[in-house]
């Protein structure tokens, strides 16, 4: 187990380096002048512009800028925003809300994904199985931003069931709709995986034997199926 974790951690290193390099290259290739963008329509003194470029290392080649970024990132020094705020402070303010949202999305997708998957697997071929499969297919096919817009319109604007937006210090209800949207695609995959495992285990010999022996207690049979599935 330790070797597996170590191998997975080591595999993360080239992935992180490749991802950050790609994102950094895309941002670097964007047209425009970031120094002029700071001042908007106001004229920029060349001496001031040169000082800002030197402060943010904008006067250095791309690869030097990227290596300096990696060096500072190792010490959690992500520099300052153009408004003068420390980036690590901005991340620190948003991090608790992000963790709360991620946990709510995980619980939502795990609980409802397994519940709908079990129902679909036990009722394979029935109308409820068809409805659940179509529902999961729609969640996978429709882009997340479309799902979010529809949830905002129907759950927030039209039916007034949930808040449309979340404030600076959101509560449970404020994050419920974003968590549902965030976990919807993963929930659809869990539904299909759970359905496949349940339906395949029901067809095994021990389940047919239990039925032949008159095991009418569905809860006991379901417990045996879940124990032998990959859920």
Protein backbone atom coordinates (compact mmCIF):
# COMPACT_ATOMS: atom_id res chain seq x y z
CA UNK A 1 0.00 0.00 0.00
CA UNK A 2 2.83 2.38 0.87
CA UNK A 3 4.61 1.69 -2.42
CA UNK A 4 1.40 2.29 -4.32
CA UNK A 5 0.82 5.65 -2.61
CA UNK A 6 4.44 6.65 -3.18
CA UNK A 7 4.17 5.73 -6.86
CA UNK A 8 0.96 7.72 -7.26
CA UNK A 9 2.51 10.75 -5.55
CA UNK A 10 5.56 10.58 -7.80
CA UNK A 11 3.29 10.34 -10.84
CA UNK A 12 1.63 13.59 -9.76
CA UNK A 13 4.87 15.54 -10.18
CA UNK A 14 5.06 15.45 -14.02
CA UNK A 15 1.29 15.98 -14.22
CA UNK A 16 1.48 19.12 -12.06
CA UNK A 17 4.52 20.42 -13.93
CA UNK A 18 2.94 19.77 -17.32
CA UNK A 19 -0.37 21.36 -16.30
CA UNK A 20 1.17 24.49 -14.82
CA UNK A 21 3.51 24.85 -17.80
CA UNK A 22 0.60 24.59 -20.24
CA UNK A 23 -1.57 27.08 -18.33
CA UNK A 24 1.37 29.45 -17.93
CA UNK A 25 2.12 29.23 -21.66
CA UNK A 26 -1.50 29.94 -22.58
CA UNK A 27 -1.62 32.98 -20.31
CA UNK A 28 1.73 34.17 -21.65
CA UNK A 29 0.46 33.86 -25.23
CA UNK A 30 -2.61 36.02 -24.60
CA UNK A 31 -2.56 39.32 -26.50
CA UNK A 32 -2.44 42.61 -24.65
CA UNK A 33 -0.23 44.42 -22.20
CA UNK A 34 -0.89 43.59 -18.52
CA UNK A 35 0.79 46.80 -17.35
CA UNK A 36 -1.47 48.98 -19.49
CA UNK A 37 -4.44 46.91 -18.34
CA UNK A 38 -3.68 47.97 -14.75
CA UNK A 39 -4.10 51.64 -15.64
CA UNK A 40 -7.05 51.26 -18.01
CA UNK A 41 -7.50 54.35 -20.19
CA UNK A 42 -5.03 56.44 -18.19
CA UNK A 43 -1.64 57.20 -19.79
CA UNK A 44 1.28 55.21 -18.39
CA UNK A 45 4.67 56.73 -17.66
CA UNK A 46 7.35 54.56 -19.26
CA UNK A 47 9.55 54.65 -16.14
CA UNK A 48 6.63 53.48 -13.98
CA UNK A 49 5.75 50.78 -16.52
CA UNK A 50 9.35 49.53 -16.54
CA UNK A 51 9.36 49.41 -12.73
CA UNK A 52 6.14 47.37 -12.67
CA UNK A 53 7.45 44.98 -15.33
CA UNK A 54 10.60 44.45 -13.28
CA UNK A 55 8.59 43.95 -10.07
CA UNK A 56 6.40 41.25 -11.64
CA UNK A 57 9.25 39.78 -13.74
CA UNK A 58 7.38 40.66 -16.93
CA UNK A 59 10.61 41.86 -18.55
CA UNK A 60 12.13 38.35 -18.42
CA UNK A 61 11.78 35.51 -20.96
CA UNK A 62 8.94 33.04 -20.65
CA UNK A 63 10.95 30.13 -19.27
CA UNK A 64 12.60 32.37 -16.64
CA UNK A 65 9.20 33.64 -15.54
CA UNK A 66 7.91 30.08 -15.25
CA UNK A 67 10.92 28.88 -13.22
CA UNK A 68 10.58 31.86 -10.88
CA UNK A 69 6.90 31.02 -10.48
CA UNK A 70 7.76 27.41 -9.52
CA UNK A 71 10.41 28.59 -7.07
CA UNK A 72 8.01 30.96 -5.33
CA UNK A 73 5.15 28.44 -5.41
CA UNK A 74 7.22 25.95 -3.40
CA UNK A 75 7.26 28.47 -0.55
CA UNK A 76 3.56 29.37 -1.08
CA UNK A 77 4.59 32.78 -2.36
CA UNK A 78 2.22 33.39 -5.27
CA UNK A 79 2.92 37.11 -5.40
CA UNK A 80 0.38 39.91 -5.42
CA UNK A 81 -2.64 40.64 -7.54
CA UNK A 82 -2.77 43.80 -9.65
CA UNK A 83 -4.92 45.32 -6.89
CA UNK A 84 -2.08 44.81 -4.38
CA UNK A 85 -3.54 41.87 -2.43
CA UNK A 86 -1.48 38.80 -1.62
CA UNK A 87 -2.65 35.88 -3.74
CA UNK A 88 -2.24 33.46 -0.82
CA UNK A 89 -4.65 35.61 1.22
CA UNK A 90 -7.22 35.53 -1.58
CA UNK A 91 -6.88 31.74 -1.77
CA UNK A 92 -7.12 31.46 2.01
CA UNK A 93 -10.41 33.36 2.08
CA UNK A 94 -11.92 31.19 -0.67
CA UNK A 95 -10.50 27.85 0.49
CA UNK A 96 -12.96 27.09 3.35
CA UNK A 97 -15.95 27.71 1.08
CA UNK A 98 -14.37 25.56 -1.64
CA UNK A 99 -13.82 22.67 0.78
CA UNK A 100 -17.39 22.94 2.08
CA UNK A 101 -18.76 22.96 -1.47
CA UNK A 102 -16.61 19.98 -2.50
CA UNK A 103 -17.71 17.93 0.53
CA UNK A 104 -21.38 18.70 -0.11
CA UNK A 105 -21.01 17.73 -3.77
CA UNK A 106 -19.24 14.48 -2.79
CA UNK A 107 -21.96 13.50 -0.31
CA UNK A 108 -24.68 14.37 -2.83
CA UNK A 109 -23.17 12.33 -5.67
CA UNK A 110 -22.27 9.36 -3.47
CA UNK A 111 -25.59 9.05 -1.63
CA UNK A 112 -27.99 9.67 -4.50
CA UNK A 113 -25.76 7.91 -7.02
CA UNK A 114 -25.79 4.69 -5.01
CA UNK A 115 -29.51 4.95 -4.16
CA UNK A 116 -30.61 5.45 -7.76
CA UNK A 117 -28.09 2.87 -8.97
CA UNK A 118 -29.41 0.23 -6.57
CA UNK A 119 -33.02 0.95 -7.54
CA UNK A 120 -32.13 0.77 -11.23
CA UNK A 121 -30.19 -2.47 -10.77
CA UNK A 122 -32.93 -4.18 -8.79
CA UNK A 123 -35.61 -3.03 -11.27
CA UNK A 124 -33.59 -3.75 -14.41
CA UNK A 125 -35.78 -3.57 -17.50
CA UNK A 126 -38.66 -1.90 -15.66
CA UNK A 127 -39.97 1.60 -16.30
CA UNK A 128 -38.11 3.11 -13.33
CA UNK A 129 -34.85 1.64 -14.64
CA UNK A 130 -35.48 3.30 -18.00
CA UNK A 131 -36.27 6.65 -16.38
CA UNK A 132 -33.12 6.56 -14.22
CA UNK A 133 -30.94 5.60 -17.20
CA UNK A 134 -32.35 8.44 -19.31
CA UNK A 135 -31.88 10.85 -16.40
CA UNK A 136 -28.24 9.80 -15.94
CA UNK A 137 -27.61 10.04 -19.69
CA UNK A 138 -28.96 13.60 -19.73
CA UNK A 139 -26.70 14.57 -16.82
CA UNK A 140 -23.67 13.22 -18.67
CA UNK A 141 -24.61 14.74 -22.03
CA UNK A 142 -25.73 18.22 -20.99
CA UNK A 143 -22.87 20.67 -20.17
CA UNK A 144 -22.58 21.64 -16.52
CA UNK A 145 -23.13 25.34 -17.20
CA UNK A 146 -26.45 24.49 -18.84
CA UNK A 147 -27.46 22.35 -15.86
CA UNK A 148 -26.51 25.20 -13.55
CA UNK A 149 -28.55 27.73 -15.51
CA UNK A 150 -31.61 25.44 -15.52
CA UNK A 151 -31.30 24.84 -11.77
CA UNK A 152 -31.01 28.57 -11.15
CA UNK A 153 -34.05 29.32 -13.26
CA UNK A 154 -36.39 26.59 -12.01
CA UNK A 155 -35.21 26.02 -8.39
CA UNK A 156 -34.30 29.63 -7.69
CA UNK A 157 -36.22 32.07 -9.88
CA UNK A 158 -39.42 30.22 -10.78
CA UNK A 159 -40.10 27.95 -7.80
CA UNK A 160 -38.14 29.87 -5.09
CA UNK A 161 -36.90 26.65 -3.48
CA UNK A 162 -33.21 27.56 -3.16
CA UNK A 163 -31.16 30.80 -3.21
CA UNK A 164 -30.07 31.81 -6.70
CA UNK A 165 -26.64 33.08 -5.62
CA UNK A 166 -24.32 32.65 -2.64
CA UNK A 167 -22.90 35.53 -0.62
CA UNK A 168 -19.49 36.05 0.95
CA UNK A 169 -20.21 33.69 3.85
CA UNK A 170 -22.61 31.13 2.37
CA UNK A 171 -24.58 28.68 4.46
CA UNK A 172 -25.83 25.18 3.71
CA UNK A 173 -28.82 26.26 1.61
CA UNK A 174 -26.71 28.78 -0.32
CA UNK A 175 -24.29 26.03 -1.40
CA UNK A 176 -26.87 23.29 -1.95
CA UNK A 177 -27.66 24.20 -5.57
CA UNK A 178 -23.98 24.62 -6.61
CA UNK A 179 -23.18 21.30 -4.89
CA UNK A 180 -25.96 19.55 -6.80
CA UNK A 181 -24.71 20.93 -10.10
CA UNK A 182 -21.07 20.16 -9.28
CA UNK A 183 -21.82 16.57 -8.32
CA UNK A 184 -24.41 15.85 -11.01
CA UNK A 185 -22.05 14.38 -13.63
CA UNK A 186 -20.19 12.18 -11.14
CA UNK A 187 -23.54 11.07 -9.71
CA UNK A 188 -24.61 9.92 -13.18
CA UNK A 189 -21.49 7.75 -13.51
CA UNK A 190 -22.01 6.31 -10.02
CA UNK A 191 -25.62 5.47 -10.94
CA UNK A 192 -24.49 3.51 -13.99
CA UNK A 193 -21.66 1.78 -12.14
CA UNK A 194 -23.92 0.82 -9.23
CA UNK A 195 -26.61 -0.43 -11.60
CA UNK A 196 -24.11 -2.62 -13.47
CA UNK A 197 -22.73 -4.13 -10.27
CA UNK A 198 -26.14 -4.77 -8.71
CA UNK A 199 -27.64 -6.30 -11.85
CA UNK A 200 -24.61 -8.52 -12.43
CA UNK A 201 -24.55 -9.75 -8.83
CA UNK A 202 -28.27 -10.53 -8.83
CA UNK A 203 -27.65 -12.97 -11.69
CA UNK A 204 -25.00 -14.92 -9.73
CA UNK A 205 -25.56 -18.46 -8.51
CA UNK A 206 -25.78 -17.66 -4.80
CA UNK A 207 -28.63 -15.18 -5.40
CA UNK A 208 -30.55 -17.66 -7.55
CA UNK A 209 -29.98 -20.30 -4.85
CA UNK A 210 -31.30 -17.94 -2.19
CA UNK A 211 -34.40 -17.31 -4.27
CA UNK A 212 -34.89 -21.03 -4.85
CA UNK A 213 -34.69 -21.62 -1.09
CA UNK A 214 -37.42 -19.03 -0.54
CA UNK A 215 -35.43 -16.10 0.75
CA UNK A 216 -38.23 -13.58 0.47
CA UNK A 217 -36.59 -11.02 2.72
CA UNK A 218 -35.41 -8.47 0.17
CA UNK A 219 -33.32 -6.55 2.68
CA UNK A 220 -31.27 -9.65 3.48
CA UNK A 221 -30.81 -10.45 -0.19
CA UNK A 222 -29.83 -6.87 -0.97
CA UNK A 223 -27.27 -6.94 1.83
CA UNK A 224 -25.68 -10.05 0.31
CA UNK A 225 -25.63 -8.44 -3.13
CA UNK A 226 -24.02 -5.24 -1.88
CA UNK A 227 -21.44 -7.17 0.09
CA UNK A 228 -20.29 -8.95 -3.03
CA UNK A 229 -20.43 -5.95 -5.37
CA UNK A 230 -17.78 -3.35 -6.00
CA UNK A 231 -19.75 -0.43 -4.58
